[in-house]
Amino acid sequence: MNVTCAVLGPSGSFCAQAAVAYWGPAARMLLMNSIEEVFEAVAQGHCRHGMVPLQNSLGGSVGATLDQLAAGRHGIAGEYQMRVVQCLLAPAGVEAGDIEVVLSQAQALAQCRKFLRRALPGVRLEAVNSTARAAEMVSRWPGRAAAIAPVQAAELYRLRVLARGIQDREDSTTRFIHLVQRGRQHPRALRTTVTVALGQGGAAAARDIFARSGLPVTWVETRWYPPAGEYRHYLSVEASADVPEMRAALGELRLASTYYRCLGSYPVAGTGGVQPLRRGVAGSGKWEVR
């Protein structure tokens, strides 16, 4: 599908790969420097769509994405789950024993803790905005540096692959969300995500509301939101917002909350969307940003 979307760049990022898999190779991508800039591009109308990471099965939820969702200016229209393969990349002439610093996105560093402790003990770790940004920086780094990034970034920035598949688990998966200005009810929705603030009981109280209606909650996250001076709870429920049980549960949750927002009701990976969604594997083959 020929869409324009904002993604976390630069070229070679996992986010850009997820966008190609989700919308197809004809998608035109605006490569942004940070997750915050992706949200801003959608909010300002520079594009109607965005793609950002929400959580990883190893590294947990992405704080920058949660903070932006808490601001209440965006919604979720779909998601794409992609298995990620992390690689250790370095310039020509730099071997594993030479490395003094490893650059990557904070989530990627967390996904590779065991490898870093075993293979590079004592090496300094430095977090940057994205894995592809780390590769780009290492390609012109004056010292002995390496990056944790996708294999595609090695091709783009002329780096060597010193080690492949260094994440702690082979099935490490990142959940990306299709970002829009306002969440909406998709006709094939199977998942609904909300964010709330509750004075009593917190996330457990919200989960109980859904449990009483027999609705499975598959994701819960709590994060302090400084602008409002309160904790915001995020929950994904495996049901469309328009089924009677879900409508009743959401109504009860709204009444119990000091802040409530339904971020969207949308298809899950593998059930359909802008095009039929499928689970992907990053790091398998070549691709090109169009």
Protein backbone atom coordinates (compact mmCIF):
# COMPACT_ATOMS: atom_id res chain seq x y z
CA MET A 1 0.00 0.00 0.00
CA ASN A 2 1.30 3.46 -0.93
CA VAL A 3 1.36 5.29 2.41
CA THR A 4 3.66 7.83 4.02
CA CYS A 5 4.69 6.88 7.54
CA ALA A 6 7.06 8.19 10.19
CA VAL A 7 9.44 5.64 11.70
CA LEU A 8 12.42 5.61 14.01
CA GLY A 9 15.48 5.83 11.78
CA PRO A 10 17.98 5.98 10.31
CA SER A 11 17.91 3.51 7.41
CA GLY A 12 18.37 -0.07 8.56
CA SER A 13 16.45 0.21 11.83
CA PHE A 14 14.17 -2.56 13.04
CA CYS A 15 11.34 -0.03 13.02
CA ALA A 16 11.88 0.66 9.32
CA GLN A 17 11.92 -3.07 8.61
CA ALA A 18 8.65 -3.52 10.51
CA ALA A 19 7.07 -0.71 8.49
CA VAL A 20 8.09 -2.32 5.19
CA ALA A 21 6.67 -5.66 6.35
CA TYR A 22 3.45 -4.03 7.56
CA TRP A 23 2.65 -1.62 4.71
CA GLY A 24 4.67 -3.17 1.91
CA PRO A 25 7.71 -2.01 -0.10
CA ALA A 26 5.84 0.93 -1.66
CA ALA A 27 5.58 2.69 1.71
CA ARG A 28 7.34 6.07 1.82
CA MET A 29 9.15 6.48 5.11
CA LEU A 30 10.04 9.62 7.03
CA LEU A 31 13.08 8.56 9.06
CA MET A 32 12.99 10.36 12.40
CA ASN A 33 15.73 10.76 14.99
CA SER A 34 13.70 9.67 18.02
CA ILE A 35 10.45 8.05 19.07
CA GLU A 36 9.24 11.45 20.25
CA GLU A 37 9.77 12.84 16.74
CA VAL A 38 7.69 10.01 15.24
CA PHE A 39 4.78 10.95 17.51
CA GLU A 40 5.22 14.63 16.70
CA ALA A 41 5.21 14.00 12.93
CA VAL A 42 1.84 12.25 13.24
CA ALA A 43 0.43 14.85 15.64
CA GLN A 44 1.45 17.75 13.37
CA GLY A 45 -0.04 16.09 10.29
CA HIS A 46 3.25 15.63 8.42
CA CYS A 47 2.00 12.08 7.85
CA ARG A 48 -1.06 10.11 8.89
CA HIS A 49 0.76 6.98 10.04
CA GLY A 50 3.66 6.09 12.30
CA MET A 51 5.40 2.92 13.45
CA VAL A 52 7.03 2.71 16.89
CA PRO A 53 8.16 -0.14 19.18
CA LEU A 54 5.92 -0.78 22.18
CA GLN A 55 7.57 -3.72 23.92
CA ASN A 56 10.10 -6.51 23.53
CA SER A 57 9.77 -9.98 25.01
CA LEU A 58 13.25 -9.65 26.59
CA GLY A 59 13.76 -5.95 27.18
CA GLY A 60 10.24 -5.07 28.32
CA SER A 61 8.17 -2.03 27.41
CA VAL A 62 9.61 1.04 25.67
CA GLY A 63 9.36 3.97 28.06
CA ALA A 64 9.44 6.70 25.42
CA THR A 65 6.46 5.15 23.62
CA LEU A 66 4.46 4.81 26.85
CA ASP A 67 5.17 8.43 27.80
CA GLN A 68 3.95 9.71 24.44
CA LEU A 69 0.80 7.54 24.53
CA ALA A 70 0.05 8.91 28.02
CA ALA A 71 -0.11 12.43 26.60
CA GLY A 72 -3.40 11.46 24.94
CA ARG A 73 -2.79 12.82 21.43
CA HIS A 74 -2.46 9.51 19.58
CA GLY A 75 -4.13 6.18 19.09
CA ILE A 76 -3.31 2.66 17.90
CA ALA A 77 -4.68 1.33 14.60
CA GLY A 78 -2.82 -1.99 14.40
CA GLU A 79 0.30 -3.85 15.38
CA TYR A 80 3.07 -5.98 13.93
CA GLN A 81 5.13 -8.49 15.89
CA MET A 82 8.61 -9.19 14.58
CA ARG A 83 11.26 -11.60 15.80
CA VAL A 84 14.52 -9.66 16.02
CA VAL A 85 18.05 -10.95 15.43
CA GLN A 86 20.74 -8.79 17.00
CA CYS A 87 24.28 -8.68 15.62
CA LEU A 88 27.58 -7.30 16.86
CA LEU A 89 28.95 -4.99 14.15
CA ALA A 90 32.33 -3.28 13.91
CA PRO A 91 34.43 -1.43 11.32
CA ALA A 92 37.06 -3.25 9.30
CA GLY A 93 40.13 -3.94 11.38
CA VAL A 94 38.33 -3.96 14.75
CA GLU A 95 38.16 -7.41 16.35
CA ALA A 96 36.19 -8.47 19.42
CA GLY A 97 39.24 -8.17 21.66
CA ASP A 98 39.82 -4.57 20.52
CA ILE A 99 36.37 -3.24 21.45
CA GLU A 100 36.30 -0.51 24.11
CA VAL A 101 32.67 0.63 23.81
CA VAL A 102 29.43 -0.91 22.47
CA LEU A 103 26.68 1.39 21.22
CA SER A 104 23.03 0.46 20.78
CA GLN A 105 19.48 1.34 21.73
CA ALA A 106 18.78 0.66 25.42
CA GLN A 107 16.31 -2.13 24.65
CA ALA A 108 18.82 -3.86 22.38
CA LEU A 109 21.51 -3.71 25.08
CA ALA A 110 19.03 -5.27 27.53
CA GLN A 111 18.23 -8.03 25.03
CA CYS A 112 21.91 -9.02 24.83
CA ARG A 113 22.95 -8.94 28.51
CA LYS A 114 24.26 -12.51 28.62
CA PHE A 115 26.38 -12.14 25.49
CA LEU A 116 27.85 -8.85 26.68
CA ARG A 117 28.77 -10.28 30.09
CA ARG A 118 30.30 -13.41 28.58
CA ALA A 119 32.05 -12.08 25.46
CA LEU A 120 32.77 -8.44 26.33
CA PRO A 121 33.13 -8.16 30.13
CA GLY A 122 34.03 -4.69 31.32
CA VAL A 123 33.38 -3.03 27.95
CA ARG A 124 31.59 0.32 28.25
CA LEU A 125 27.97 0.34 27.04
CA GLU A 126 26.45 3.47 25.57
CA ALA A 127 22.74 3.88 24.77
CA VAL A 128 21.64 5.82 21.68
CA ASN A 129 18.24 6.40 20.05
CA SER A 130 18.16 3.34 17.77
CA THR A 131 20.19 0.30 16.72
CA ALA A 132 20.69 1.70 13.22
CA ARG A 133 21.87 5.01 14.69
CA ALA A 134 24.45 3.05 16.67
CA ALA A 135 25.70 1.40 13.48
CA GLU A 136 25.87 4.75 11.69
CA MET A 137 27.85 6.28 14.58
CA VAL A 138 30.26 3.34 14.80
CA SER A 139 30.98 3.60 11.07
CA ARG A 140 32.66 6.96 11.72
CA TRP A 141 33.73 6.43 15.36
CA PRO A 142 37.36 7.48 15.97
CA GLY A 143 38.08 4.71 18.50
CA ARG A 144 37.53 0.99 18.87
CA ALA A 145 33.76 0.79 18.95
CA ALA A 146 31.09 -1.74 17.99
CA ALA A 147 27.33 -1.61 17.58
CA ILE A 148 24.49 -3.99 18.34
CA ALA A 149 22.20 -3.68 15.33
CA PRO A 150 20.44 -5.63 12.54
CA VAL A 151 22.54 -7.31 9.88
CA GLN A 152 21.03 -4.92 7.30
CA ALA A 153 22.76 -2.06 9.10
CA ALA A 154 26.11 -3.75 8.43
CA GLU A 155 25.39 -3.65 4.72
CA LEU A 156 24.25 -0.02 4.79
CA TYR A 157 27.12 1.33 6.91
CA ARG A 158 29.91 -0.97 5.67
CA LEU A 159 30.51 -2.75 8.95
CA ARG A 160 31.62 -6.32 9.60
CA VAL A 161 29.41 -8.83 11.42
CA LEU A 162 31.51 -10.12 14.31
CA ALA A 163 28.67 -12.17 15.85
CA ARG A 164 25.10 -12.91 14.78
CA GLY A 165 22.07 -13.83 16.90
CA ILE A 166 23.52 -12.48 20.15
CA GLN A 167 20.17 -11.78 21.85
CA ASP A 168 19.59 -13.77 25.04
CA ARG A 169 16.79 -15.82 23.46
CA GLU A 170 16.34 -16.90 19.88
CA ASP A 171 12.62 -16.05 19.97
CA SER A 172 13.12 -12.43 21.07
CA THR A 173 10.13 -10.56 19.62
CA THR A 174 9.30 -6.86 19.40
CA ARG A 175 5.73 -5.59 19.24
CA PHE A 176 5.40 -2.53 17.00
CA ILE A 177 2.25 -0.39 16.90
CA HIS A 178 0.66 1.44 13.99
CA LEU A 179 0.32 4.97 15.30
CA VAL A 180 -2.44 7.40 14.22
CA GLN A 181 -3.80 10.67 15.55
CA ARG A 182 -6.90 9.04 16.98
CA GLY A 183 -7.57 5.42 17.82
CA ARG A 184 -10.56 3.87 16.12
CA GLN A 185 -12.67 0.75 16.03
CA HIS A 186 -11.38 -1.59 13.32
CA PRO A 187 -14.01 -3.94 11.81
CA ARG A 188 -11.71 -6.92 12.41
CA ALA A 189 -10.48 -5.83 15.84
CA LEU A 190 -9.39 -8.54 18.24
CA ARG A 191 -7.38 -6.46 20.72
CA THR A 192 -8.16 -3.29 22.65
CA THR A 193 -5.58 -1.19 24.49
CA VAL A 194 -6.43 1.37 27.17
CA THR A 195 -4.51 3.66 29.49
CA VAL A 196 -5.98 4.66 32.84
CA ALA A 197 -5.18 6.20 36.22
CA LEU A 198 -6.86 4.61 39.24
CA GLY A 199 -6.86 6.05 42.73
CA GLN A 200 -7.44 2.71 44.42
CA GLY A 201 -6.08 -0.68 43.46
CA GLY A 202 -4.03 0.40 40.46
CA ALA A 203 -3.48 -2.00 37.59
CA ALA A 204 -4.74 -4.95 39.65
CA ALA A 205 -8.14 -3.27 40.03
CA ALA A 206 -8.33 -2.68 36.28
CA ARG A 207 -7.40 -6.28 35.56
CA ASP A 208 -10.10 -7.48 37.96
CA ILE A 209 -12.76 -5.52 36.07
CA PHE A 210 -11.92 -7.39 32.88
CA ALA A 211 -11.53 -10.73 34.68
CA ARG A 212 -15.06 -10.52 36.07
CA SER A 213 -16.31 -10.36 32.48
CA GLY A 214 -14.09 -13.25 31.37
CA LEU A 215 -11.91 -10.98 29.24
CA PRO A 216 -8.20 -11.98 29.04
CA VAL A 217 -5.68 -9.24 29.74
CA THR A 218 -2.45 -10.05 27.87
CA TRP A 219 -0.33 -6.98 28.65
CA VAL A 220 -0.11 -4.75 31.71
CA GLU A 221 2.40 -1.96 32.28
CA THR A 222 2.55 0.80 34.89
CA ARG A 223 4.60 3.96 34.52
CA TRP A 224 4.84 7.23 36.43
CA TYR A 225 3.60 10.14 34.32
CA PRO A 226 5.17 13.35 35.73
CA PRO A 227 2.98 15.94 33.90
CA ALA A 228 -0.09 14.59 35.70
CA GLY A 229 1.69 13.52 38.89
CA GLU A 230 0.17 10.04 38.78
CA TYR A 231 0.78 6.48 37.67
CA ARG A 232 -0.67 5.53 34.29
CA HIS A 233 -1.60 1.90 33.71
CA TYR A 234 -1.63 0.36 30.23
CA LEU A 235 -3.62 -2.77 29.48
CA SER A 236 -4.23 -4.80 26.32
CA VAL A 237 -7.34 -6.98 26.33
CA GLU A 238 -8.06 -9.73 23.81
CA ALA A 239 -11.49 -8.51 22.73
CA SER A 240 -13.01 -5.94 20.41
CA ALA A 241 -14.35 -2.80 22.09
CA ASP A 242 -17.75 -3.32 20.48
CA VAL A 243 -18.64 -6.70 22.03
CA PRO A 244 -21.18 -6.36 24.89
CA GLU A 245 -18.91 -7.72 27.63
CA MET A 246 -16.12 -5.36 26.63
CA ARG A 247 -18.42 -2.35 26.40
CA ALA A 248 -19.66 -3.06 29.93
CA ALA A 249 -16.12 -3.56 31.30
CA LEU A 250 -14.83 -0.38 29.67
CA GLY A 251 -17.77 1.55 31.08
CA GLU A 252 -17.03 0.27 34.58
CA LEU A 253 -13.33 1.07 34.16
CA ARG A 254 -14.11 4.60 32.99
CA LEU A 255 -16.25 5.26 36.08
CA ALA A 256 -13.53 3.92 38.40
CA SER A 257 -10.71 5.94 36.80
CA THR A 258 -9.44 9.44 37.39
CA TYR A 259 -8.08 9.30 33.84
CA TYR A 260 -9.28 7.02 31.06
CA ARG A 261 -8.50 6.68 27.37
CA CYS A 262 -9.11 3.88 24.91
CA LEU A 263 -6.10 3.97 22.60
CA GLY A 264 -7.72 1.79 19.95
CA SER A 265 -9.39 -1.48 19.06
CA TYR A 266 -7.47 -3.14 16.25
CA PRO A 267 -6.32 -6.41 14.59
CA VAL A 268 -3.53 -8.44 16.13
CA ALA A 269 -0.53 -9.67 14.14
CA GLY A 270 -1.59 -12.42 11.76
CA THR A 271 -5.28 -11.51 11.52
CA GLY A 272 -5.36 -8.67 9.01
CA GLY A 273 -4.91 -4.92 8.89
CA VAL A 274 -3.74 -2.49 6.25
CA GLN A 275 -2.53 -5.61 4.49
CA PRO A 276 -2.58 -9.14 5.95
CA LEU A 277 -0.31 -8.92 8.95
CA ARG A 278 2.23 -11.63 9.50
CA ARG A 279 4.93 -12.32 12.04
CA GLY A 280 8.29 -11.44 10.54
CA VAL A 281 11.91 -12.22 11.18
CA ALA A 282 14.26 -9.25 11.03
CA GLY A 283 17.67 -9.93 9.66
CA SER A 284 16.54 -12.34 6.92
CA GLY A 285 17.46 -10.98 3.53
CA LYS A 286 17.98 -7.58 1.96
CA TRP A 287 15.59 -4.68 1.89
CA GLU A 288 15.53 -1.08 0.76
CA VAL A 289 13.83 2.02 2.14
CA ARG A 290 11.65 3.54 -0.56
